[in-house]
C-alpha atoms as a PDB file:
ATOM      1  CA  UNK A   1     123.380 187.194  76.343  1.00  0.00           C
ATOM      2  CA  UNK A   2     123.535 183.411  76.491  1.00  0.00           C
ATOM      3  CA  UNK A   3     119.851 183.138  75.465  1.00  0.00           C
ATOM      4  CA  UNK A   4     120.556 185.382  72.377  1.00  0.00           C
ATOM      5  CA  UNK A   5     123.544 183.342  71.337  1.00  0.00           C
ATOM      6  CA  UNK A   6     121.739 179.936  71.676  1.00  0.00           C
ATOM      7  CA  UNK A   7     118.680 181.359  69.808  1.00  0.00           C
ATOM      8  CA  UNK A   8     120.860 182.656  67.029  1.00  0.00           C
ATOM      9  CA  UNK A   9     122.640 179.343  66.695  1.00  0.00           C
ATOM     10  CA  UNK A  10     119.342 177.363  66.586  1.00  0.00           C
ATOM     11  CA  UNK A  11     117.935 179.818  64.026  1.00  0.00           C
ATOM     12  CA  UNK A  12     121.066 179.505  61.887  1.00  0.00           C
ATOM     13  CA  UNK A  13     120.951 175.650  62.056  1.00  0.00           C
ATOM     14  CA  UNK A  14     117.209 175.646  61.189  1.00  0.00           C
ATOM     15  CA  UNK A  15     117.629 177.938  58.246  1.00  0.00           C
ATOM     16  CA  UNK A  16     120.701 176.117  56.957  1.00  0.00           C
ATOM     17  CA  UNK A  17     118.830 172.798  57.076  1.00  0.00           C
ATOM     18  CA  UNK A  18     115.963 174.379  55.166  1.00  0.00           C
ATOM     19  CA  UNK A  19     118.324 175.747  52.447  1.00  0.00           C
ATOM     20  CA  UNK A  20     120.165 172.388  52.168  1.00  0.00           C
ATOM     21  CA  UNK A  21     116.815 170.509  51.953  1.00  0.00           C
ATOM     22  CA  UNK A  22     115.694 172.822  49.105  1.00  0.00           C
ATOM     23  CA  UNK A  23     118.946 172.415  47.229  1.00  0.00           C
ATOM     24  CA  UNK A  24     118.522 168.698  47.110  1.00  0.00           C
ATOM     25  CA  UNK A  25     114.798 168.662  46.387  1.00  0.00           C
ATOM     26  CA  UNK A  26     115.174 166.295  43.496  1.00  0.00           C
ATOM     27  CA  UNK A  27     117.469 163.294  43.648  1.00  0.00           C
ATOM     28  CA  UNK A  28     117.728 160.391  41.152  1.00  0.00           C
ATOM     29  CA  UNK A  29     119.209 156.906  41.534  1.00  0.00           C
ATOM     30  CA  UNK A  30     119.695 154.639  38.552  1.00  0.00           C
ATOM     31  CA  UNK A  31     120.213 150.880  38.681  1.00  0.00           C
ATOM     32  CA  UNK A  32     121.866 149.379  35.648  1.00  0.00           C
ATOM     33  CA  UNK A  33     120.886 146.059  34.010  1.00  0.00           C
ATOM     34  CA  UNK A  34     121.975 143.681  36.751  1.00  0.00           C
ATOM     35  CA  UNK A  35     120.082 140.441  36.147  1.00  0.00           C
ATOM     36  CA  UNK A  36     118.844 140.267  39.699  1.00  0.00           C
ATOM     37  CA  UNK A  37     115.626 142.138  40.107  1.00  0.00           C
ATOM     38  CA  UNK A  38     116.560 143.316  43.578  1.00  0.00           C
ATOM     39  CA  UNK A  39     117.747 146.796  44.150  1.00  0.00           C
ATOM     40  CA  UNK A  40     118.845 148.558  47.279  1.00  0.00           C
ATOM     41  CA  UNK A  41     118.931 149.092  50.019  1.00  0.00           C
ATOM     42  CA  UNK A  42     118.365 152.738  49.294  1.00  0.00           C
ATOM     43  CA  UNK A  43     117.948 155.409  51.869  1.00  0.00           C
ATOM     44  CA  UNK A  44     114.652 156.778  50.741  1.00  0.00           C
ATOM     45  CA  UNK A  45     113.136 159.851  52.358  1.00  0.00           C
ATOM     46  CA  UNK A  46     109.538 160.657  53.297  1.00  0.00           C
ATOM     47  CA  UNK A  47     108.519 162.362  50.025  1.00  0.00           C
ATOM     48  CA  UNK A  48     107.142 161.609  46.566  1.00  0.00           C
ATOM     49  CA  UNK A  49     109.016 158.716  44.969  1.00  0.00           C
ATOM     50  CA  UNK A  50     108.792 157.669  41.265  1.00  0.00           C
ATOM     51  CA  UNK A  51     109.995 154.385  39.909  1.00  0.00           C
ATOM     52  CA  UNK A  52     110.530 154.217  36.090  1.00  0.00           C
ATOM     53  CA  UNK A  53     111.020 150.723  34.708  1.00  0.00           C
ATOM     54  CA  UNK A  54     113.435 151.354  31.838  1.00  0.00           C
ATOM     55  CA  UNK A  55     113.760 147.766  30.831  1.00  0.00           C
ATOM     56  CA  UNK A  56     112.548 144.465  32.252  1.00  0.00           C
ATOM     57  CA  UNK A  57     112.654 140.769  31.296  1.00  0.00           C
ATOM     58  CA  UNK A  58     110.096 139.226  31.345  1.00  0.00           C
ATOM     59  CA  UNK A  59     107.248 141.687  30.838  1.00  0.00           C
ATOM     60  CA  UNK A  60     104.263 142.089  33.199  1.00  0.00           C
ATOM     61  CA  UNK A  61     106.033 142.161  36.583  1.00  0.00           C
ATOM     62  CA  UNK A  62     105.256 143.326  40.032  1.00  0.00           C
ATOM     63  CA  UNK A  63     107.249 146.084  41.739  1.00  0.00           C
ATOM     64  CA  UNK A  64     107.334 146.039  45.504  1.00  0.00           C
ATOM     65  CA  UNK A  65     109.010 148.447  47.915  1.00  0.00           C
ATOM     66  CA  UNK A  66     109.936 146.629  51.183  1.00  0.00           C
ATOM     67  CA  UNK A  67     111.484 147.992  54.326  1.00  0.00           C
ATOM     68  CA  UNK A  68     114.993 146.598  54.994  1.00  0.00           C
ATOM     69  CA  UNK A  69     114.024 146.300  58.648  1.00  0.00           C
ATOM     70  CA  UNK A  70     111.455 143.621  58.036  1.00  0.00           C
ATOM     71  CA  UNK A  71     112.773 141.732  54.948  1.00  0.00           C
ATOM     72  CA  UNK A  72     116.070 140.110  54.077  1.00  0.00           C
ATOM     73  CA  UNK A  73     117.104 139.441  50.510  1.00  0.00           C
ATOM     74  CA  UNK A  74     117.215 135.693  51.236  1.00  0.00           C
ATOM     75  CA  UNK A  75     113.507 135.546  52.204  1.00  0.00           C
ATOM     76  CA  UNK A  76     110.641 134.963  49.886  1.00  0.00           C
ATOM     77  CA  UNK A  77     109.132 138.288  48.926  1.00  0.00           C
ATOM     78  CA  UNK A  78     105.630 137.093  49.737  1.00  0.00           C
ATOM     79  CA  UNK A  79     106.558 136.510  53.375  1.00  0.00           C
ATOM     80  CA  UNK A  80     106.571 140.218  54.328  1.00  0.00           C
ATOM     81  CA  UNK A  81     104.428 143.270  54.321  1.00  0.00           C
ATOM     82  CA  UNK A  82     105.104 145.631  51.396  1.00  0.00           C
ATOM     83  CA  UNK A  83     105.256 149.357  51.863  1.00  0.00           C
ATOM     84  CA  UNK A  84     104.074 149.808  48.275  1.00  0.00           C
ATOM     85  CA  UNK A  85     103.164 147.299  45.526  1.00  0.00           C
ATOM     86  CA  UNK A  86     102.087 147.630  41.902  1.00  0.00           C
ATOM     87  CA  UNK A  87     101.381 144.776  39.586  1.00  0.00           C
ATOM     88  CA  UNK A  88     101.251 144.527  35.785  1.00  0.00           C
ATOM     89  CA  UNK A  89     104.232 146.798  35.034  1.00  0.00           C
ATOM     90  CA  UNK A  90     105.993 146.569  31.730  1.00  0.00           C
ATOM     91  CA  UNK A  91     108.947 148.276  30.003  1.00  0.00           C
ATOM     92  CA  UNK A  92     108.795 152.130  30.301  1.00  0.00           C
ATOM     93  CA  UNK A  93     105.987 152.135  32.844  1.00  0.00           C
ATOM     94  CA  UNK A  94     106.292 154.377  35.882  1.00  0.00           C
ATOM     95  CA  UNK A  95     104.663 154.526  39.265  1.00  0.00           C
ATOM     96  CA  UNK A  96     104.554 157.328  41.814  1.00  0.00           C
ATOM     97  CA  UNK A  97     103.939 156.867  45.589  1.00  0.00           C
ATOM     98  CA  UNK A  98     104.665 158.586  48.891  1.00  0.00           C
ATOM     99  CA  UNK A  99     106.812 157.207  51.687  1.00  0.00           C
ATOM    100  CA  UNK A 100     105.949 158.267  55.146  1.00  0.00           C
ATOM    101  CA  UNK A 101     109.104 157.155  57.038  1.00  0.00           C
ATOM    102  CA  UNK A 102     112.727 157.644  56.221  1.00  0.00           C
ATOM    103  CA  UNK A 103     114.687 154.429  55.987  1.00  0.00           C
ATOM    104  CA  UNK A 104     116.416 151.790  53.999  1.00  0.00           C
ATOM    105  CA  UNK A 105     114.154 150.128  51.391  1.00  0.00           C
ATOM    106  CA  UNK A 106     114.549 147.340  48.828  1.00  0.00           C
ATOM    107  CA  UNK A 107     112.867 147.695  45.474  1.00  0.00           C
ATOM    108  CA  UNK A 108     112.049 144.148  44.390  1.00  0.00           C
ATOM    109  CA  UNK A 109     110.873 143.296  40.848  1.00  0.00           C
ATOM    110  CA  UNK A 110     109.327 139.864  40.524  1.00  0.00           C
ATOM    111  CA  UNK A 111     107.118 137.874  38.138  1.00  0.00           C
ATOM    112  CA  UNK A 112     103.507 136.676  38.628  1.00  0.00           C
ATOM    113  CA  UNK A 113     104.816 133.260  39.925  1.00  0.00           C
ATOM    114  CA  UNK A 114     106.965 134.966  42.651  1.00  0.00           C
ATOM    115  CA  UNK A 115     110.372 134.635  40.956  1.00  0.00           C
ATOM    116  CA  UNK A 116     112.764 137.608  40.716  1.00  0.00           C
ATOM    117  CA  UNK A 117     112.803 139.243  37.256  1.00  0.00           C
ATOM    118  CA  UNK A 118     115.717 138.167  35.071  1.00  0.00           C
ATOM    119  CA  UNK A 119     116.919 141.556  33.902  1.00  0.00           C
ATOM    120  CA  UNK A 120     115.818 144.892  35.234  1.00  0.00           C
ATOM    121  CA  UNK A 121     116.920 148.467  34.661  1.00  0.00           C
ATOM    122  CA  UNK A 122     115.064 151.106  36.646  1.00  0.00           C
ATOM    123  CA  UNK A 123     115.355 154.746  37.762  1.00  0.00           C
ATOM    124  CA  UNK A 124     114.218 155.928  41.175  1.00  0.00           C
ATOM    125  CA  UNK A 125     113.479 159.664  41.409  1.00  0.00           C
ATOM    126  CA  UNK A 126     112.531 161.468  44.612  1.00  0.00           C
ATOM    127  CA  UNK A 127     111.006 164.898  44.302  1.00  0.00           C
ATOM    128  CA  UNK A 128     109.710 167.515  46.695  1.00  0.00           C
ATOM    129  CA  UNK A 129     110.917 168.292  50.239  1.00  0.00           C
ATOM    130  CA  UNK A 130     111.433 165.548  52.838  1.00  0.00           C
ATOM    131  CA  UNK A 131     108.721 166.109  55.387  1.00  0.00           C
ATOM    132  CA  UNK A 132     110.830 165.139  58.391  1.00  0.00           C
ATOM    133  CA  UNK A 133     113.649 167.552  57.609  1.00  0.00           C
ATOM    134  CA  UNK A 134     111.114 170.274  56.925  1.00  0.00           C
ATOM    135  CA  UNK A 135     109.571 169.808  60.338  1.00  0.00           C
ATOM    136  CA  UNK A 136     112.942 169.786  62.086  1.00  0.00           C
ATOM    137  CA  UNK A 137     113.988 172.931  60.283  1.00  0.00           C
ATOM    138  CA  UNK A 138     110.796 174.740  61.246  1.00  0.00           C
ATOM    139  CA  UNK A 139     110.982 173.677  64.883  1.00  0.00           C
ATOM    140  CA  UNK A 140     114.630 174.714  65.270  1.00  0.00           C
ATOM    141  CA  UNK A 141     114.076 178.018  63.575  1.00  0.00           C
ATOM    142  CA  UNK A 142     110.960 178.768  65.630  1.00  0.00           C
ATOM    143  CA  UNK A 143     112.696 177.971  68.933  1.00  0.00           C
ATOM    144  CA  UNK A 144     115.626 180.104  67.896  1.00  0.00           C
ATOM    145  CA  UNK A 145     113.374 183.117  67.046  1.00  0.00           C
ATOM    146  CA  UNK A 146     111.415 182.643  70.337  1.00  0.00           C
ATOM    147  CA  UNK A 147     114.642 182.649  72.407  1.00  0.00           C
ATOM    148  CA  UNK A 148     115.852 185.785  70.643  1.00  0.00           C
ATOM    149  CA  UNK A 149     112.525 187.525  71.260  1.00  0.00           C
ATOM    150  CA  UNK A 150     112.560 186.531  74.905  1.00  0.00           C
ATOM    151  CA  UNK A 151     116.122 187.962  75.227  1.00  0.00           C
ATOM    152  CA  UNK A 152     114.893 191.263  73.696  1.00  0.00           C
ATOM    153  CA  UNK A 153     111.760 191.364  75.963  1.00  0.00           C
ATOM    154  CA  UNK A 154     113.596 190.503  79.189  1.00  0.00           C
ATOM    155  CA  UNK A 155     115.102 194.016  79.777  1.00  0.00           C
ATOM    156  CA  UNK A 156     111.612 195.509  79.270  1.00  0.00           C
ATOM    157  CA  UNK A 157     110.152 193.305  82.057  1.00  0.00           C
ATOM    158  CA  UNK A 158     112.932 194.337  84.444  1.00  0.00           C
ATOM    159  CA  UNK A 159     112.242 198.106  83.952  1.00  0.00           C
ATOM    160  CA  UNK A 160     108.826 197.839  85.413  1.00  0.00           C
END
């Protein structure tokens, strides 16, 4: 009976996580016109991420996504490895990329000479399902189903 209960609990947790992951499949973060050029840290998930540059001064900037674990806002942006970088962006441009690891990330907008942009408004949109939560949900659900099946098959094995 204990095996059945634990299996049912794991299946319920796995399915609940799957439903919750589906309900929040699209999330959007907006950053208003702070004249900094540095945004975050955001908790970004391993899924498709789109950055829309609503407004930027000056034009023709570079947008870099940097892990908060390896970069501090006081450092020069060129001193660290970027998770994603795109150059030559202007007002109303957008870029889409995929993150592989969940974590805190800075989105840094800077000019060709390495200075932070003067004024930036951007929107960050994440779409699709986070791969890590999808895997966890599938594993928990599978283990729960296996435990419930084992519980049902156990009496058949004892009859023989």
